[in-house]
Amino acid sequence: MLTKIEKQILNFIQGDLPLNSSPYAGLAKELNIDEDKIAEKIALLKKRGYIRRLGALLSHDMVGLKANCMCVWRVPEGKIEKIGKLCAQEPGISHCYWRVSKRDWPYNFYTMVHAKTKSECCKTIKSIAKKCEVDDYKMLFTLKKFKKTSPVYSV
């Protein structure tokens, strides 16, 4: 169970941290605790699994990764874990999910692939298909972005 202070810290670190030598100073003052205490709480929240990591988020477009493809796969249930772990290790994949398939939409595994070009995306996807021995997939390339923000959760 999260304490009130832990919730406030989690809400704070989801936003843009101040780019200075004391990024937690304002929060520390607001919570009436030391900055070191905030750092300790963050480390504890990470150890307890509430935080996966704390780091910079790159804009993939700005660093040259202009091609984005949601690839949907039809994966036999017995292979989901193995393929999920394999895809999670691929450097060009930012997301991979197992979802329930429907009668009119048989795809149950989803990956988001980023590369410099469409052909590089295709190459990555074909390589994954070969490694995973899955040939039933569709590539859905991004045509236009309407929204691109990091999620912010109110805890």
C-alpha atoms as a PDB file:
ATOM      1  CA  MET A   1       0.000   0.000   0.000  1.00  0.00           C
ATOM      2  CA  LEU A   2       1.328   3.422  -0.944  1.00  0.00           C
ATOM      3  CA  THR A   3       1.611   6.202   1.608  1.00  0.00           C
ATOM      4  CA  LYS A   4       0.379   9.716   0.836  1.00  0.00           C
ATOM      5  CA  ILE A   5       3.970  10.936   0.405  1.00  0.00           C
ATOM      6  CA  GLU A   6       4.825   8.022  -1.917  1.00  0.00           C
ATOM      7  CA  LYS A   7       1.809   8.877  -4.076  1.00  0.00           C
ATOM      8  CA  GLN A   8       2.896  12.522  -4.237  1.00  0.00           C
ATOM      9  CA  ILE A   9       6.405  11.474  -5.233  1.00  0.00           C
ATOM     10  CA  LEU A  10       5.073   9.162  -7.956  1.00  0.00           C
ATOM     11  CA  ASN A  11       2.856  11.930  -9.316  1.00  0.00           C
ATOM     12  CA  PHE A  12       5.823  14.343  -9.302  1.00  0.00           C
ATOM     13  CA  ILE A  13       8.355  12.132 -11.098  1.00  0.00           C
ATOM     14  CA  GLN A  14       5.954  11.352 -13.943  1.00  0.00           C
ATOM     15  CA  GLY A  15       6.307  14.915 -15.181  1.00  0.00           C
ATOM     16  CA  ASP A  16       9.299  16.811 -16.454  1.00  0.00           C
ATOM     17  CA  LEU A  17      11.905  17.034 -13.717  1.00  0.00           C
ATOM     18  CA  PRO A  18      13.672  20.367 -13.318  1.00  0.00           C
ATOM     19  CA  LEU A  19      17.015  20.360 -15.152  1.00  0.00           C
ATOM     20  CA  ASN A  20      19.166  21.571 -12.301  1.00  0.00           C
ATOM     21  CA  SER A  21      21.381  20.159  -9.564  1.00  0.00           C
ATOM     22  CA  SER A  22      18.454  19.812  -7.127  1.00  0.00           C
ATOM     23  CA  PRO A  23      15.476  18.448  -9.076  1.00  0.00           C
ATOM     24  CA  TYR A  24      13.646  17.376  -5.905  1.00  0.00           C
ATOM     25  CA  ALA A  25      14.102  20.653  -3.975  1.00  0.00           C
ATOM     26  CA  GLY A  26      10.643  22.076  -4.722  1.00  0.00           C
ATOM     27  CA  LEU A  27       8.896  18.818  -3.871  1.00  0.00           C
ATOM     28  CA  ALA A  28      10.966  18.425  -0.703  1.00  0.00           C
ATOM     29  CA  LYS A  29       9.887  21.873   0.437  1.00  0.00           C
ATOM     30  CA  GLU A  30       6.239  21.143  -0.414  1.00  0.00           C
ATOM     31  CA  LEU A  31       6.317  17.838   1.497  1.00  0.00           C
ATOM     32  CA  ASN A  32       8.475  19.238   4.302  1.00  0.00           C
ATOM     33  CA  ILE A  33      11.088  16.490   3.992  1.00  0.00           C
ATOM     34  CA  ASP A  34      14.736  16.336   2.881  1.00  0.00           C
ATOM     35  CA  GLU A  35      15.690  15.794  -0.763  1.00  0.00           C
ATOM     36  CA  ASP A  36      17.688  12.742   0.368  1.00  0.00           C
ATOM     37  CA  LYS A  37      14.479  11.277   1.812  1.00  0.00           C
ATOM     38  CA  ILE A  38      12.785  11.682  -1.573  1.00  0.00           C
ATOM     39  CA  ALA A  39      15.682   9.879  -3.271  1.00  0.00           C
ATOM     40  CA  GLU A  40      15.433   7.079  -0.681  1.00  0.00           C
ATOM     41  CA  LYS A  41      11.672   6.784  -1.268  1.00  0.00           C
ATOM     42  CA  ILE A  42      12.213   6.611  -5.033  1.00  0.00           C
ATOM     43  CA  ALA A  43      14.777   3.827  -4.572  1.00  0.00           C
ATOM     44  CA  LEU A  44      12.341   1.961  -2.323  1.00  0.00           C
ATOM     45  CA  LEU A  45       9.477   2.392  -4.816  1.00  0.00           C
ATOM     46  CA  LYS A  46      11.742   0.975  -7.520  1.00  0.00           C
ATOM     47  CA  LYS A  47      12.743  -1.961  -5.311  1.00  0.00           C
ATOM     48  CA  ARG A  48       9.058  -2.654  -4.566  1.00  0.00           C
ATOM     49  CA  GLY A  49       8.240  -2.608  -8.302  1.00  0.00           C
ATOM     50  CA  TYR A  50       6.172   0.592  -8.507  1.00  0.00           C
ATOM     51  CA  ILE A  51       8.829   2.204 -10.704  1.00  0.00           C
ATOM     52  CA  ARG A  52      10.564   0.341 -13.517  1.00  0.00           C
ATOM     53  CA  ARG A  53      13.123   3.022 -14.237  1.00  0.00           C
ATOM     54  CA  LEU A  54      13.778   6.741 -14.032  1.00  0.00           C
ATOM     55  CA  GLY A  55      15.408   8.199 -17.139  1.00  0.00           C
ATOM     56  CA  ALA A  56      15.200  10.374 -20.206  1.00  0.00           C
ATOM     57  CA  LEU A  57      12.557   9.719 -22.834  1.00  0.00           C
ATOM     58  CA  LEU A  58      13.856  10.252 -26.359  1.00  0.00           C
ATOM     59  CA  SER A  59      11.680  11.480 -29.179  1.00  0.00           C
ATOM     60  CA  HIS A  60      12.251   8.696 -31.697  1.00  0.00           C
ATOM     61  CA  ASP A  61      11.315  11.013 -34.598  1.00  0.00           C
ATOM     62  CA  MET A  62      13.934  13.576 -33.589  1.00  0.00           C
ATOM     63  CA  VAL A  63      16.705  10.961 -33.404  1.00  0.00           C
ATOM     64  CA  GLY A  64      15.942   9.697 -36.912  1.00  0.00           C
ATOM     65  CA  LEU A  65      13.534   6.814 -36.303  1.00  0.00           C
ATOM     66  CA  LYS A  66      10.873   8.014 -38.756  1.00  0.00           C
ATOM     67  CA  ALA A  67       9.199   4.680 -39.562  1.00  0.00           C
ATOM     68  CA  ASN A  68       6.761   3.235 -37.024  1.00  0.00           C
ATOM     69  CA  CYS A  69       4.845   0.017 -37.486  1.00  0.00           C
ATOM     70  CA  MET A  70       2.325  -1.744 -35.283  1.00  0.00           C
ATOM     71  CA  CYS A  71       2.709  -5.374 -36.255  1.00  0.00           C
ATOM     72  CA  VAL A  72      -0.127  -7.698 -35.291  1.00  0.00           C
ATOM     73  CA  TRP A  73       0.625 -11.394 -35.066  1.00  0.00           C
ATOM     74  CA  ARG A  74      -1.437 -14.569 -34.847  1.00  0.00           C
ATOM     75  CA  VAL A  75       0.543 -16.585 -32.320  1.00  0.00           C
ATOM     76  CA  PRO A  76      -0.447 -20.029 -30.988  1.00  0.00           C
ATOM     77  CA  GLU A  77      -1.168 -19.769 -27.237  1.00  0.00           C
ATOM     78  CA  GLY A  78       1.561 -22.268 -26.408  1.00  0.00           C
ATOM     79  CA  LYS A  79       4.176 -19.973 -27.986  1.00  0.00           C
ATOM     80  CA  ILE A  80       3.080 -16.642 -26.462  1.00  0.00           C
ATOM     81  CA  GLU A  81       5.535 -16.634 -23.517  1.00  0.00           C
ATOM     82  CA  LYS A  82       8.518 -17.653 -25.641  1.00  0.00           C
ATOM     83  CA  ILE A  83       7.744 -15.147 -28.397  1.00  0.00           C
ATOM     84  CA  GLY A  84       6.937 -12.387 -25.894  1.00  0.00           C
ATOM     85  CA  LYS A  85      10.332 -12.789 -24.237  1.00  0.00           C
ATOM     86  CA  LEU A  86      12.109 -12.919 -27.589  1.00  0.00           C
ATOM     87  CA  CYS A  87      10.364  -9.762 -28.882  1.00  0.00           C
ATOM     88  CA  ALA A  88      11.000  -7.939 -25.604  1.00  0.00           C
ATOM     89  CA  GLN A  89      14.742  -8.308 -26.296  1.00  0.00           C
ATOM     90  CA  GLU A  90      14.582  -6.773 -29.793  1.00  0.00           C
ATOM     91  CA  PRO A  91      16.127  -3.276 -29.767  1.00  0.00           C
ATOM     92  CA  GLY A  92      13.728  -1.855 -32.385  1.00  0.00           C
ATOM     93  CA  ILE A  93      10.597  -2.859 -30.451  1.00  0.00           C
ATOM     94  CA  SER A  94       9.234  -0.440 -27.878  1.00  0.00           C
ATOM     95  CA  HIS A  95       6.049  -2.320 -26.930  1.00  0.00           C
ATOM     96  CA  CYS A  96       4.847  -5.901 -27.117  1.00  0.00           C
ATOM     97  CA  TYR A  97       1.532  -7.172 -25.799  1.00  0.00           C
ATOM     98  CA  TRP A  98      -0.546 -10.319 -25.692  1.00  0.00           C
ATOM     99  CA  ARG A  99      -4.245  -9.614 -26.161  1.00  0.00           C
ATOM    100  CA  VAL A 100      -7.400 -11.640 -26.651  1.00  0.00           C
ATOM    101  CA  SER A 101      -8.197 -12.416 -30.286  1.00  0.00           C
ATOM    102  CA  LYS A 102     -11.719 -12.174 -31.709  1.00  0.00           C
ATOM    103  CA  ARG A 103     -13.508 -14.264 -34.290  1.00  0.00           C
ATOM    104  CA  ASP A 104     -13.193 -11.522 -36.920  1.00  0.00           C
ATOM    105  CA  TRP A 105      -9.700 -10.396 -35.744  1.00  0.00           C
ATOM    106  CA  PRO A 106      -7.464 -13.418 -35.091  1.00  0.00           C
ATOM    107  CA  TYR A 107      -4.377 -11.446 -34.034  1.00  0.00           C
ATOM    108  CA  ASN A 108      -3.403 -11.855 -30.394  1.00  0.00           C
ATOM    109  CA  PHE A 109       0.133 -10.460 -30.176  1.00  0.00           C
ATOM    110  CA  TYR A 110       1.146  -6.864 -30.904  1.00  0.00           C
ATOM    111  CA  THR A 111       4.550  -5.245 -31.354  1.00  0.00           C
ATOM    112  CA  MET A 112       5.460  -1.617 -32.023  1.00  0.00           C
ATOM    113  CA  VAL A 113       8.536  -1.409 -34.228  1.00  0.00           C
ATOM    114  CA  HIS A 114      10.595   1.756 -34.805  1.00  0.00           C
ATOM    115  CA  ALA A 115      13.300   2.187 -37.459  1.00  0.00           C
ATOM    116  CA  LYS A 116      14.825   4.795 -39.743  1.00  0.00           C
ATOM    117  CA  THR A 117      12.918   3.538 -42.789  1.00  0.00           C
ATOM    118  CA  LYS A 118       9.946   1.361 -43.687  1.00  0.00           C
ATOM    119  CA  SER A 119      12.303  -1.168 -45.228  1.00  0.00           C
ATOM    120  CA  GLU A 120      14.240  -1.421 -41.937  1.00  0.00           C
ATOM    121  CA  CYS A 121      10.939  -2.009 -40.089  1.00  0.00           C
ATOM    122  CA  CYS A 122      10.072  -4.744 -42.585  1.00  0.00           C
ATOM    123  CA  LYS A 123      13.507  -6.311 -42.169  1.00  0.00           C
ATOM    124  CA  THR A 124      13.109  -6.379 -38.359  1.00  0.00           C
ATOM    125  CA  ILE A 125       9.617  -7.865 -38.612  1.00  0.00           C
ATOM    126  CA  LYS A 126      10.677 -10.530 -41.118  1.00  0.00           C
ATOM    127  CA  SER A 127      13.601 -11.455 -38.870  1.00  0.00           C
ATOM    128  CA  ILE A 128      11.265 -11.811 -35.882  1.00  0.00           C
ATOM    129  CA  ALA A 129       8.816 -13.878 -37.944  1.00  0.00           C
ATOM    130  CA  LYS A 130      11.617 -16.238 -38.912  1.00  0.00           C
ATOM    131  CA  LYS A 131      12.988 -16.555 -35.342  1.00  0.00           C
ATOM    132  CA  CYS A 132       9.497 -17.099 -33.924  1.00  0.00           C
ATOM    133  CA  GLU A 133       8.294 -19.337 -36.749  1.00  0.00           C
ATOM    134  CA  VAL A 134       5.157 -17.217 -37.139  1.00  0.00           C
ATOM    135  CA  ASP A 135       4.082 -16.249 -40.637  1.00  0.00           C
ATOM    136  CA  ASP A 136       0.582 -14.895 -39.978  1.00  0.00           C
ATOM    137  CA  TYR A 137       1.041 -11.190 -39.304  1.00  0.00           C
ATOM    138  CA  LYS A 138       0.064  -7.784 -40.651  1.00  0.00           C
ATOM    139  CA  MET A 139       2.156  -4.618 -40.702  1.00  0.00           C
ATOM    140  CA  LEU A 140       0.232  -1.442 -39.888  1.00  0.00           C
ATOM    141  CA  PHE A 141       2.463   1.555 -40.589  1.00  0.00           C
ATOM    142  CA  THR A 142       1.758   4.905 -38.953  1.00  0.00           C
ATOM    143  CA  LEU A 143       0.304   7.346 -41.472  1.00  0.00           C
ATOM    144  CA  LYS A 144      -0.203  10.349 -39.197  1.00  0.00           C
ATOM    145  CA  LYS A 145       0.288  11.068 -35.492  1.00  0.00           C
ATOM    146  CA  PHE A 146      -2.620  12.770 -33.739  1.00  0.00           C
ATOM    147  CA  LYS A 147      -1.264  12.536 -30.207  1.00  0.00           C
ATOM    148  CA  LYS A 148       2.070  11.483 -28.770  1.00  0.00           C
ATOM    149  CA  THR A 149       2.524  12.006 -25.048  1.00  0.00           C
ATOM    150  CA  SER A 150       3.837   9.985 -22.174  1.00  0.00           C
ATOM    151  CA  PRO A 151       1.111   8.561 -19.977  1.00  0.00           C
ATOM    152  CA  VAL A 152       0.521  10.278 -16.655  1.00  0.00           C
ATOM    153  CA  TYR A 153      -1.267   8.254 -14.001  1.00  0.00           C
ATOM    154  CA  SER A 154      -2.943   9.856 -11.028  1.00  0.00           C
ATOM    155  CA  VAL A 155      -2.047   7.769  -7.982  1.00  0.00           C
END
